[in-house]
Amino acid sequence: MNTDNYVNIAGNASGSIPLQIKMNTTESSSNTILGNFGVIEAQGVRAINVRRTFPNTTAFTDIRLDFRNSITMQPIYLTNVALSAFDIDYANSSGNSFDDFIQNQSAEQQALSCMLAQVKPYQQADKTARQRYWAYKAQAWLNYAIHQNSINSRSTAGAYAAQATESILQALQEGTEQRIDLYQDIPAMSALMRPDLWATISALKDSDGIAVAPREMAFSEVALIWAATNQCARGWRESGIHFRMADRWLEQARQAYVNAHDSQTNVALQARIVRYYEAYAPLDSGEDTCHGQALSPI
């Protein structure tokens, strides 16, 4: 096996099925000791052998399988993959051991991972600030959707985040991202909490802050929605970290804007923040109830 190259897979009818596979591994811990990674054969049976010495029982190796058409060299996305006799034996230093310690990605997880790869090109320096803003916002929504999926959440938040990502990605691919309204309403699963931060986001949007901090603004906006959703569902203990993340991202965005403009422009920004705060503050009920909130420029 070679992680840098695609190889023909056995059983493809001598090439009549143009399917190739590439395997990549990613370690969760930099302290993991890498061992064998290749194909072994025993009693005429060949198998992929990945050997690792993990630093603890929570460390893992993520194995990614990529498929492509060997004729067109285009990627192939498979919703169902059967792995024959795929077995993992695991033992830690304490002598405890168990077999078949493996987690397979579901079709939904694969789709989310695929979208994450698709938004990355739109975050590059050759793209416009608006394209990068939407690409980073799609990534933020994806992070939310992936988290919800990983904890098997039954709430609507994960589905909403995934759908928001799909809409943004489609617009980026079609070159219609300019048509997406920058002032998007807070969804029903969330609420307007921390009106001071929402006021700063809206004021920066009005002042073309996206031009200097597209990533920071996108991440802070989704973090605020995530935080309020968590507070409604599970209280402040589950929301604090996301509110702090939003605060840090937004402070970086505001500082980048201040550094890029003169004092008169920065005074105008602060005045705009105050006006938005005066409009948003009454919308924060102070209660842990989520019913969404319409937002629009003033």
C-alpha atoms as a PDB file:
ATOM      1  CA  MET A   1       0.000   0.000   0.000  1.00  0.00           C
ATOM      2  CA  ASN A   2       1.167   3.525  -0.789  1.00  0.00           C
ATOM      3  CA  THR A   3      -0.757   6.441   0.688  1.00  0.00           C
ATOM      4  CA  ASP A   4       0.381   8.757  -2.110  1.00  0.00           C
ATOM      5  CA  ASN A   5      -0.870   6.675  -5.014  1.00  0.00           C
ATOM      6  CA  TYR A   6      -4.078   5.140  -6.262  1.00  0.00           C
ATOM      7  CA  VAL A   7      -3.923   1.392  -6.886  1.00  0.00           C
ATOM      8  CA  ASN A   8      -6.176  -1.039  -8.732  1.00  0.00           C
ATOM      9  CA  ILE A   9      -8.287  -3.112  -6.387  1.00  0.00           C
ATOM     10  CA  ALA A  10      -8.605  -6.875  -6.605  1.00  0.00           C
ATOM     11  CA  GLY A  11     -11.730  -8.271  -8.198  1.00  0.00           C
ATOM     12  CA  ASN A  12     -12.270  -5.544 -10.779  1.00  0.00           C
ATOM     13  CA  ALA A  13     -12.555  -8.072 -13.631  1.00  0.00           C
ATOM     14  CA  SER A  14      -9.122  -7.383 -15.111  1.00  0.00           C
ATOM     15  CA  GLY A  15      -9.767  -3.693 -15.439  1.00  0.00           C
ATOM     16  CA  SER A  16     -13.280  -3.842 -16.924  1.00  0.00           C
ATOM     17  CA  ILE A  17     -14.436  -1.978 -13.835  1.00  0.00           C
ATOM     18  CA  PRO A  18     -12.176   1.114 -13.795  1.00  0.00           C
ATOM     19  CA  LEU A  19     -12.026   1.472 -10.026  1.00  0.00           C
ATOM     20  CA  GLN A  20      -8.962   2.488  -8.041  1.00  0.00           C
ATOM     21  CA  ILE A  21      -8.451   3.125  -4.344  1.00  0.00           C
ATOM     22  CA  LYS A  22      -6.148   5.240  -2.231  1.00  0.00           C
ATOM     23  CA  MET A  23      -5.765   4.970   1.522  1.00  0.00           C
ATOM     24  CA  ASN A  24      -4.642   7.788   3.832  1.00  0.00           C
ATOM     25  CA  THR A  25      -4.160   7.750   7.586  1.00  0.00           C
ATOM     26  CA  THR A  26      -4.302  10.605  10.074  1.00  0.00           C
ATOM     27  CA  GLU A  27      -3.220  10.276  13.696  1.00  0.00           C
ATOM     28  CA  SER A  28      -5.182  11.946  16.488  1.00  0.00           C
ATOM     29  CA  SER A  29      -2.032  12.246  18.607  1.00  0.00           C
ATOM     30  CA  SER A  30       1.463  13.322  17.590  1.00  0.00           C
ATOM     31  CA  ASN A  31       2.764  10.879  20.234  1.00  0.00           C
ATOM     32  CA  THR A  32       1.446   7.832  18.400  1.00  0.00           C
ATOM     33  CA  ILE A  33       4.290   5.563  17.260  1.00  0.00           C
ATOM     34  CA  LEU A  34       3.784   4.456  13.659  1.00  0.00           C
ATOM     35  CA  GLY A  35       4.390   0.825  12.827  1.00  0.00           C
ATOM     36  CA  ASN A  36       3.605  -1.269   9.781  1.00  0.00           C
ATOM     37  CA  PHE A  37       1.324   0.044   7.058  1.00  0.00           C
ATOM     38  CA  GLY A  38       0.978  -2.303   4.111  1.00  0.00           C
ATOM     39  CA  VAL A  39      -0.455  -5.533   2.806  1.00  0.00           C
ATOM     40  CA  ILE A  40       0.351  -8.828   4.517  1.00  0.00           C
ATOM     41  CA  GLU A  41      -0.491 -12.346   3.391  1.00  0.00           C
ATOM     42  CA  ALA A  42      -1.207 -15.419   5.481  1.00  0.00           C
ATOM     43  CA  GLN A  43      -2.386 -18.773   4.141  1.00  0.00           C
ATOM     44  CA  GLY A  44      -3.165 -17.229   0.778  1.00  0.00           C
ATOM     45  CA  VAL A  45      -5.282 -14.448   2.277  1.00  0.00           C
ATOM     46  CA  ARG A  46      -4.153 -10.844   1.844  1.00  0.00           C
ATOM     47  CA  ALA A  47      -5.113  -8.083   4.251  1.00  0.00           C
ATOM     48  CA  ILE A  48      -4.265  -4.481   5.042  1.00  0.00           C
ATOM     49  CA  ASN A  49      -2.066  -4.294   8.130  1.00  0.00           C
ATOM     50  CA  VAL A  50      -1.885  -1.057  10.112  1.00  0.00           C
ATOM     51  CA  ARG A  51       0.131  -1.260  13.314  1.00  0.00           C
ATOM     52  CA  ARG A  52       0.263   1.529  15.868  1.00  0.00           C
ATOM     53  CA  THR A  53       1.463   2.048  19.436  1.00  0.00           C
ATOM     54  CA  PHE A  54      -0.902   4.578  20.937  1.00  0.00           C
ATOM     55  CA  PRO A  55       0.037   6.838  23.869  1.00  0.00           C
ATOM     56  CA  ASN A  56      -3.335   6.280  25.557  1.00  0.00           C
ATOM     57  CA  THR A  57      -6.684   4.550  25.073  1.00  0.00           C
ATOM     58  CA  THR A  58      -8.355   7.625  23.560  1.00  0.00           C
ATOM     59  CA  ALA A  59      -5.868   8.014  20.703  1.00  0.00           C
ATOM     60  CA  PHE A  60      -6.854   6.670  17.305  1.00  0.00           C
ATOM     61  CA  THR A  61      -5.910   6.390  13.649  1.00  0.00           C
ATOM     62  CA  ASP A  62      -8.386   7.791  11.155  1.00  0.00           C
ATOM     63  CA  ILE A  63      -8.319   5.777   7.901  1.00  0.00           C
ATOM     64  CA  ARG A  64      -9.676   7.484   4.784  1.00  0.00           C
ATOM     65  CA  LEU A  65     -10.473   5.584   1.593  1.00  0.00           C
ATOM     66  CA  ASP A  66     -10.641   7.562  -1.661  1.00  0.00           C
ATOM     67  CA  PHE A  67     -11.938   6.060  -4.894  1.00  0.00           C
ATOM     68  CA  ARG A  68     -11.553   7.198  -8.481  1.00  0.00           C
ATOM     69  CA  ASN A  69     -12.236   6.143 -12.046  1.00  0.00           C
ATOM     70  CA  SER A  70      -8.926   4.860 -13.443  1.00  0.00           C
ATOM     71  CA  ILE A  71      -9.845   6.031 -16.955  1.00  0.00           C
ATOM     72  CA  THR A  72     -11.136   9.560 -16.325  1.00  0.00           C
ATOM     73  CA  MET A  73      -9.147  10.056 -13.082  1.00  0.00           C
ATOM     74  CA  GLN A  74     -12.238  11.643 -11.578  1.00  0.00           C
ATOM     75  CA  PRO A  75     -13.243  10.919  -7.946  1.00  0.00           C
ATOM     76  CA  ILE A  76     -16.003   8.416  -7.272  1.00  0.00           C
ATOM     77  CA  TYR A  77     -18.240   8.884  -4.231  1.00  0.00           C
ATOM     78  CA  LEU A  78     -19.599   5.591  -2.914  1.00  0.00           C
ATOM     79  CA  THR A  79     -22.452   5.498  -0.425  1.00  0.00           C
ATOM     80  CA  ASN A  80     -21.868   1.837   0.463  1.00  0.00           C
ATOM     81  CA  VAL A  81     -18.514   0.097   0.809  1.00  0.00           C
ATOM     82  CA  ALA A  82     -18.114  -3.491   2.003  1.00  0.00           C
ATOM     83  CA  LEU A  83     -14.801  -4.390   3.637  1.00  0.00           C
ATOM     84  CA  SER A  84     -14.221  -8.127   3.874  1.00  0.00           C
ATOM     85  CA  ALA A  85     -12.661  -9.571   7.035  1.00  0.00           C
ATOM     86  CA  PHE A  86     -11.695  -6.153   8.332  1.00  0.00           C
ATOM     87  CA  ASP A  87     -10.520  -6.719  11.886  1.00  0.00           C
ATOM     88  CA  ILE A  88      -8.748  -4.649  14.485  1.00  0.00           C
ATOM     89  CA  ASP A  89      -7.094  -6.114  17.577  1.00  0.00           C
ATOM     90  CA  TYR A  90      -6.363  -3.567  20.248  1.00  0.00           C
ATOM     91  CA  ALA A  91      -4.482  -3.837  23.543  1.00  0.00           C
ATOM     92  CA  ASN A  92      -3.201  -1.225  25.963  1.00  0.00           C
ATOM     93  CA  SER A  93      -0.226  -1.288  28.301  1.00  0.00           C
ATOM     94  CA  SER A  94      -2.353  -2.422  31.224  1.00  0.00           C
ATOM     95  CA  GLY A  95      -3.009  -5.735  29.553  1.00  0.00           C
ATOM     96  CA  ASN A  96      -6.645  -5.037  28.803  1.00  0.00           C
ATOM     97  CA  SER A  97      -7.605  -6.018  25.283  1.00  0.00           C
ATOM     98  CA  PHE A  98     -10.614  -6.228  23.047  1.00  0.00           C
ATOM     99  CA  ASP A  99     -11.228  -7.009  19.385  1.00  0.00           C
ATOM    100  CA  ASP A 100     -12.981  -5.268  16.542  1.00  0.00           C
ATOM    101  CA  PHE A 101     -12.351  -1.772  17.864  1.00  0.00           C
ATOM    102  CA  ILE A 102     -13.408   0.118  14.750  1.00  0.00           C
ATOM    103  CA  GLN A 103     -15.718   2.961  13.878  1.00  0.00           C
ATOM    104  CA  ASN A 104     -17.004   3.328  10.323  1.00  0.00           C
ATOM    105  CA  GLN A 105     -18.290   6.618   8.936  1.00  0.00           C
ATOM    106  CA  SER A 106     -21.941   6.644   8.020  1.00  0.00           C
ATOM    107  CA  ALA A 107     -23.123   7.895   4.627  1.00  0.00           C
ATOM    108  CA  GLU A 108     -24.100  11.178   6.302  1.00  0.00           C
ATOM    109  CA  GLN A 109     -20.648  11.591   7.858  1.00  0.00           C
ATOM    110  CA  GLN A 110     -19.034  10.876   4.505  1.00  0.00           C
ATOM    111  CA  ALA A 111     -21.220  13.514   2.848  1.00  0.00           C
ATOM    112  CA  LEU A 112     -20.246  16.107   5.461  1.00  0.00           C
ATOM    113  CA  SER A 113     -16.547  15.288   5.041  1.00  0.00           C
ATOM    114  CA  CYS A 114     -16.938  15.581   1.278  1.00  0.00           C
ATOM    115  CA  MET A 115     -18.527  19.040   1.568  1.00  0.00           C
ATOM    116  CA  LEU A 116     -15.709  20.159   3.857  1.00  0.00           C
ATOM    117  CA  ALA A 117     -13.196  19.302   1.137  1.00  0.00           C
ATOM    118  CA  GLN A 118     -15.304  21.099  -1.466  1.00  0.00           C
ATOM    119  CA  VAL A 119     -15.427  24.442   0.378  1.00  0.00           C
ATOM    120  CA  LYS A 120     -11.660  24.634   0.951  1.00  0.00           C
ATOM    121  CA  PRO A 121     -10.771  25.949  -2.547  1.00  0.00           C
ATOM    122  CA  TYR A 122     -13.041  28.955  -2.004  1.00  0.00           C
ATOM    123  CA  GLN A 123     -11.061  29.969   1.087  1.00  0.00           C
ATOM    124  CA  GLN A 124      -7.859  30.582  -0.858  1.00  0.00           C
ATOM    125  CA  ALA A 125      -6.247  34.001  -1.355  1.00  0.00           C
ATOM    126  CA  ASP A 126      -7.191  34.175  -5.046  1.00  0.00           C
ATOM    127  CA  LYS A 127     -10.886  34.331  -4.142  1.00  0.00           C
ATOM    128  CA  THR A 128     -12.798  37.484  -3.269  1.00  0.00           C
ATOM    129  CA  ALA A 129     -13.384  38.400   0.353  1.00  0.00           C
ATOM    130  CA  ARG A 130     -17.071  37.660  -0.087  1.00  0.00           C
ATOM    131  CA  GLN A 131     -16.343  34.195  -1.482  1.00  0.00           C
ATOM    132  CA  ARG A 132     -13.996  33.488   1.413  1.00  0.00           C
ATOM    133  CA  TYR A 133     -16.551  34.739   3.925  1.00  0.00           C
ATOM    134  CA  TRP A 134     -19.194  32.340   2.628  1.00  0.00           C
ATOM    135  CA  ALA A 135     -16.700  29.479   2.376  1.00  0.00           C
ATOM    136  CA  TYR A 136     -15.674  29.996   5.994  1.00  0.00           C
ATOM    137  CA  LYS A 137     -19.298  30.264   7.043  1.00  0.00           C
ATOM    138  CA  ALA A 138     -19.979  26.976   5.269  1.00  0.00           C
ATOM    139  CA  GLN A 139     -17.059  25.449   7.180  1.00  0.00           C
ATOM    140  CA  ALA A 140     -18.428  26.779  10.465  1.00  0.00           C
ATOM    141  CA  TRP A 141     -21.843  25.278   9.726  1.00  0.00           C
ATOM    142  CA  LEU A 142     -20.142  22.011   8.782  1.00  0.00           C
ATOM    143  CA  ASN A 143     -18.264  21.941  12.069  1.00  0.00           C
ATOM    144  CA  TYR A 144     -21.614  22.323  13.813  1.00  0.00           C
ATOM    145  CA  ALA A 145     -23.261  19.602  11.708  1.00  0.00           C
ATOM    146  CA  ILE A 146     -20.356  17.187  12.215  1.00  0.00           C
ATOM    147  CA  HIS A 147     -20.478  17.750  15.976  1.00  0.00           C
ATOM    148  CA  GLN A 148     -24.222  17.125  16.113  1.00  0.00           C
ATOM    149  CA  ASN A 149     -23.785  13.960  14.064  1.00  0.00           C
ATOM    150  CA  SER A 150     -20.946  12.710  16.263  1.00  0.00           C
ATOM    151  CA  ILE A 151     -23.074  12.915  19.412  1.00  0.00           C
ATOM    152  CA  ASN A 152     -26.092  11.364  17.663  1.00  0.00           C
ATOM    153  CA  SER A 153     -28.157  14.451  18.384  1.00  0.00           C
ATOM    154  CA  ARG A 154     -31.858  14.234  17.553  1.00  0.00           C
ATOM    155  CA  SER A 155     -32.301  18.007  17.472  1.00  0.00           C
ATOM    156  CA  THR A 156     -32.947  19.973  14.288  1.00  0.00           C
ATOM    157  CA  ALA A 157     -29.664  21.876  14.663  1.00  0.00           C
ATOM    158  CA  GLY A 158     -27.535  19.364  12.769  1.00  0.00           C
ATOM    159  CA  ALA A 159     -29.932  19.160   9.840  1.00  0.00           C
ATOM    160  CA  TYR A 160     -30.192  22.949   9.684  1.00  0.00           C
ATOM    161  CA  ALA A 161     -26.401  23.328   9.709  1.00  0.00           C
ATOM    162  CA  ALA A 162     -25.973  20.742   6.951  1.00  0.00           C
ATOM    163  CA  GLN A 163     -28.651  22.395   4.815  1.00  0.00           C
ATOM    164  CA  ALA A 164     -27.084  25.824   5.320  1.00  0.00           C
ATOM    165  CA  THR A 165     -23.768  24.403   4.144  1.00  0.00           C
ATOM    166  CA  GLU A 166     -25.318  22.844   1.036  1.00  0.00           C
ATOM    167  CA  SER A 167     -26.981  26.131   0.070  1.00  0.00           C
ATOM    168  CA  ILE A 168     -23.767  28.113   0.458  1.00  0.00           C
ATOM    169  CA  LEU A 169     -21.676  25.531  -1.390  1.00  0.00           C
ATOM    170  CA  GLN A 170     -24.133  25.463  -4.290  1.00  0.00           C
ATOM    171  CA  ALA A 171     -24.004  29.262  -4.556  1.00  0.00           C
ATOM    172  CA  LEU A 172     -20.193  29.237  -4.535  1.00  0.00           C
ATOM    173  CA  GLN A 173     -20.059  26.557  -7.216  1.00  0.00           C
ATOM    174  CA  GLU A 174     -22.554  28.440  -9.393  1.00  0.00           C
ATOM    175  CA  GLY A 175     -20.903  31.817  -8.779  1.00  0.00           C
ATOM    176  CA  THR A 176     -24.061  33.288  -7.259  1.00  0.00           C
ATOM    177  CA  GLU A 177     -22.804  33.970  -3.739  1.00  0.00           C
ATOM    178  CA  GLN A 178     -23.360  37.716  -4.282  1.00  0.00           C
ATOM    179  CA  ARG A 179     -27.086  37.019  -4.231  1.00  0.00           C
ATOM    180  CA  ILE A 180     -27.027  35.601  -0.698  1.00  0.00           C
ATOM    181  CA  ASP A 181     -28.259  38.137   1.833  1.00  0.00           C
ATOM    182  CA  LEU A 182     -25.505  39.029   4.289  1.00  0.00           C
ATOM    183  CA  TYR A 183     -28.103  39.736   6.970  1.00  0.00           C
ATOM    184  CA  GLN A 184     -29.506  36.293   7.670  1.00  0.00           C
ATOM    185  CA  ASP A 185     -32.064  35.700  10.378  1.00  0.00           C
ATOM    186  CA  ILE A 186     -31.201  33.753  13.517  1.00  0.00           C
ATOM    187  CA  PRO A 187     -32.884  30.331  13.041  1.00  0.00           C
ATOM    188  CA  ALA A 188     -35.764  29.153  15.218  1.00  0.00           C
ATOM    189  CA  MET A 189     -33.532  26.674  17.073  1.00  0.00           C
ATOM    190  CA  SER A 190     -31.507  29.620  18.426  1.00  0.00           C
ATOM    191  CA  ALA A 191     -32.048  33.122  19.776  1.00  0.00           C
ATOM    192  CA  LEU A 192     -30.541  36.591  19.938  1.00  0.00           C
ATOM    193  CA  MET A 193     -28.269  36.436  22.974  1.00  0.00           C
ATOM    194  CA  ARG A 194     -25.303  38.750  23.532  1.00  0.00           C
ATOM    195  CA  PRO A 195     -26.800  41.694  21.586  1.00  0.00           C
ATOM    196  CA  ASP A 196     -23.475  43.506  21.953  1.00  0.00           C
ATOM    197  CA  LEU A 197     -21.766  40.909  19.767  1.00  0.00           C
ATOM    198  CA  TRP A 198     -24.589  40.795  17.225  1.00  0.00           C
ATOM    199  CA  ALA A 199     -24.436  44.599  17.044  1.00  0.00           C
ATOM    200  CA  THR A 200     -20.725  44.428  16.233  1.00  0.00           C
ATOM    201  CA  ILE A 201     -21.314  41.801  13.515  1.00  0.00           C
ATOM    202  CA  SER A 202     -24.015  43.872  11.802  1.00  0.00           C
ATOM    203  CA  ALA A 203     -22.003  47.100  12.069  1.00  0.00           C
ATOM    204  CA  LEU A 204     -18.954  45.430  10.539  1.00  0.00           C
ATOM    205  CA  LYS A 205     -21.087  44.062   7.702  1.00  0.00           C
ATOM    206  CA  ASP A 206     -22.426  47.567   7.035  1.00  0.00           C
ATOM    207  CA  SER A 207     -18.857  48.889   6.998  1.00  0.00           C
ATOM    208  CA  ASP A 208     -17.439  46.228   4.646  1.00  0.00           C
ATOM    209  CA  GLY A 209     -15.628  44.505   7.497  1.00  0.00           C
ATOM    210  CA  ILE A 210     -15.804  41.277   5.520  1.00  0.00           C
ATOM    211  CA  ALA A 211     -13.073  42.692   3.275  1.00  0.00           C
ATOM    212  CA  VAL A 212     -10.527  42.552   6.111  1.00  0.00           C
ATOM    213  CA  ALA A 213     -11.775  39.676   8.279  1.00  0.00           C
ATOM    214  CA  PRO A 214     -13.969  37.212   6.336  1.00  0.00           C
ATOM    215  CA  ARG A 215     -12.997  34.173   8.395  1.00  0.00           C
ATOM    216  CA  GLU A 216     -13.360  35.804  11.794  1.00  0.00           C
ATOM    217  CA  MET A 217     -16.772  37.257  11.002  1.00  0.00           C
ATOM    218  CA  ALA A 218     -18.107  33.998   9.594  1.00  0.00           C
ATOM    219  CA  PHE A 219     -16.883  31.911  12.518  1.00  0.00           C
ATOM    220  CA  SER A 220     -18.151  34.357  15.152  1.00  0.00           C
ATOM    221  CA  GLU A 221     -21.639  34.461  13.659  1.00  0.00           C
ATOM    222  CA  VAL A 222     -22.135  30.691  13.656  1.00  0.00           C
ATOM    223  CA  ALA A 223     -20.535  30.397  17.101  1.00  0.00           C
ATOM    224  CA  LEU A 224     -23.151  32.811  18.484  1.00  0.00           C
ATOM    225  CA  ILE A 225     -25.981  30.754  17.010  1.00  0.00           C
ATOM    226  CA  TRP A 226     -24.403  27.555  18.340  1.00  0.00           C
ATOM    227  CA  ALA A 227     -23.973  29.074  21.798  1.00  0.00           C
ATOM    228  CA  ALA A 228     -27.565  30.272  22.110  1.00  0.00           C
ATOM    229  CA  THR A 229     -28.891  26.934  20.856  1.00  0.00           C
ATOM    230  CA  ASN A 230     -26.885  25.124  23.527  1.00  0.00           C
ATOM    231  CA  GLN A 231     -28.035  27.515  26.234  1.00  0.00           C
ATOM    232  CA  CYS A 232     -31.681  26.929  25.367  1.00  0.00           C
ATOM    233  CA  ALA A 233     -31.196  23.161  25.323  1.00  0.00           C
ATOM    234  CA  ARG A 234     -28.795  22.604  28.229  1.00  0.00           C
ATOM    235  CA  GLY A 235     -28.085  25.852  30.046  1.00  0.00           C
ATOM    236  CA  TRP A 236     -25.106  28.151  30.411  1.00  0.00           C
ATOM    237  CA  ARG A 237     -22.619  25.383  31.202  1.00  0.00           C
ATOM    238  CA  GLU A 238     -22.941  24.165  27.607  1.00  0.00           C
ATOM    239  CA  SER A 239     -22.954  27.604  25.988  1.00  0.00           C
ATOM    240  CA  GLY A 240     -20.070  29.436  27.651  1.00  0.00           C
ATOM    241  CA  ILE A 241     -17.292  28.045  25.489  1.00  0.00           C
ATOM    242  CA  HIS A 242     -19.073  29.022  22.258  1.00  0.00           C
ATOM    243  CA  PHE A 243     -19.882  32.526  23.496  1.00  0.00           C
ATOM    244  CA  ARG A 244     -16.207  32.975  24.359  1.00  0.00           C
ATOM    245  CA  MET A 245     -15.172  31.693  20.938  1.00  0.00           C
ATOM    246  CA  ALA A 246     -17.547  34.144  19.261  1.00  0.00           C
ATOM    247  CA  ASP A 247     -16.202  36.975  21.407  1.00  0.00           C
ATOM    248  CA  ARG A 248     -12.578  36.173  20.486  1.00  0.00           C
ATOM    249  CA  TRP A 249     -13.276  35.822  16.765  1.00  0.00           C
ATOM    250  CA  LEU A 250     -15.225  39.073  16.729  1.00  0.00           C
ATOM    251  CA  GLU A 251     -12.565  40.969  18.652  1.00  0.00           C
ATOM    252  CA  GLN A 252     -10.016  39.856  16.062  1.00  0.00           C
ATOM    253  CA  ALA A 253     -12.322  41.037  13.283  1.00  0.00           C
ATOM    254  CA  ARG A 254     -12.902  44.409  14.913  1.00  0.00           C
ATOM    255  CA  GLN A 255      -9.178  44.891  15.542  1.00  0.00           C
ATOM    256  CA  ALA A 256      -8.339  44.020  11.933  1.00  0.00           C
ATOM    257  CA  TYR A 257     -10.860  46.609  10.784  1.00  0.00           C
ATOM    258  CA  VAL A 258      -9.490  49.281  13.123  1.00  0.00           C
ATOM    259  CA  ASN A 259      -5.926  48.633  11.959  1.00  0.00           C
ATOM    260  CA  ALA A 260      -6.969  48.962   8.321  1.00  0.00           C
ATOM    261  CA  HIS A 261      -8.829  52.297   8.635  1.00  0.00           C
ATOM    262  CA  ASP A 262      -8.323  55.838   9.857  1.00  0.00           C
ATOM    263  CA  SER A 263      -9.679  57.227  13.106  1.00  0.00           C
ATOM    264  CA  GLN A 264     -12.680  58.941  11.507  1.00  0.00           C
ATOM    265  CA  THR A 265     -13.842  55.660   9.931  1.00  0.00           C
ATOM    266  CA  ASN A 266     -13.341  53.815  13.200  1.00  0.00           C
ATOM    267  CA  VAL A 267     -15.407  56.391  15.101  1.00  0.00           C
ATOM    268  CA  ALA A 268     -18.178  55.870  12.564  1.00  0.00           C
ATOM    269  CA  LEU A 269     -17.978  52.117  13.120  1.00  0.00           C
ATOM    270  CA  GLN A 270     -18.326  52.529  16.878  1.00  0.00           C
ATOM    271  CA  ALA A 271     -21.343  54.805  16.432  1.00  0.00           C
ATOM    272  CA  ARG A 272     -22.942  52.197  14.191  1.00  0.00           C
ATOM    273  CA  ILE A 273     -22.298  49.482  16.784  1.00  0.00           C
ATOM    274  CA  VAL A 274     -24.096  51.597  19.390  1.00  0.00           C
ATOM    275  CA  ARG A 275     -27.112  52.091  17.112  1.00  0.00           C
ATOM    276  CA  TYR A 276     -27.377  48.375  16.442  1.00  0.00           C
ATOM    277  CA  TYR A 277     -27.012  47.568  20.125  1.00  0.00           C
ATOM    278  CA  GLU A 278     -29.862  49.935  20.981  1.00  0.00           C
ATOM    279  CA  ALA A 279     -32.007  48.107  18.416  1.00  0.00           C
ATOM    280  CA  TYR A 280     -30.991  44.585  19.457  1.00  0.00           C
ATOM    281  CA  ALA A 281     -30.873  44.867  23.250  1.00  0.00           C
ATOM    282  CA  PRO A 282     -34.694  44.861  23.680  1.00  0.00           C
ATOM    283  CA  LEU A 283     -34.848  41.645  21.615  1.00  0.00           C
ATOM    284  CA  ASP A 284     -32.838  39.727  24.217  1.00  0.00           C
ATOM    285  CA  SER A 285     -35.424  38.448  26.676  1.00  0.00           C
ATOM    286  CA  GLY A 286     -32.799  37.226  29.108  1.00  0.00           C
ATOM    287  CA  GLU A 287     -34.534  33.859  29.224  1.00  0.00           C
ATOM    288  CA  ASP A 288     -33.225  30.545  27.895  1.00  0.00           C
ATOM    289  CA  THR A 289     -35.884  30.259  25.219  1.00  0.00           C
ATOM    290  CA  CYS A 290     -35.187  29.929  21.510  1.00  0.00           C
ATOM    291  CA  HIS A 291     -37.605  31.152  18.880  1.00  0.00           C
ATOM    292  CA  GLY A 292     -35.281  32.701  16.291  1.00  0.00           C
ATOM    293  CA  GLN A 293     -34.952  36.359  15.429  1.00  0.00           C
ATOM    294  CA  ALA A 294     -35.263  38.393  12.247  1.00  0.00           C
ATOM    295  CA  LEU A 295     -32.229  40.587  11.595  1.00  0.00           C
ATOM    296  CA  SER A 296     -31.976  43.382   9.058  1.00  0.00           C
ATOM    297  CA  PRO A 297     -29.711  46.385   8.467  1.00  0.00           C
ATOM    298  CA  ILE A 298     -30.694  49.726   9.988  1.00  0.00           C
END
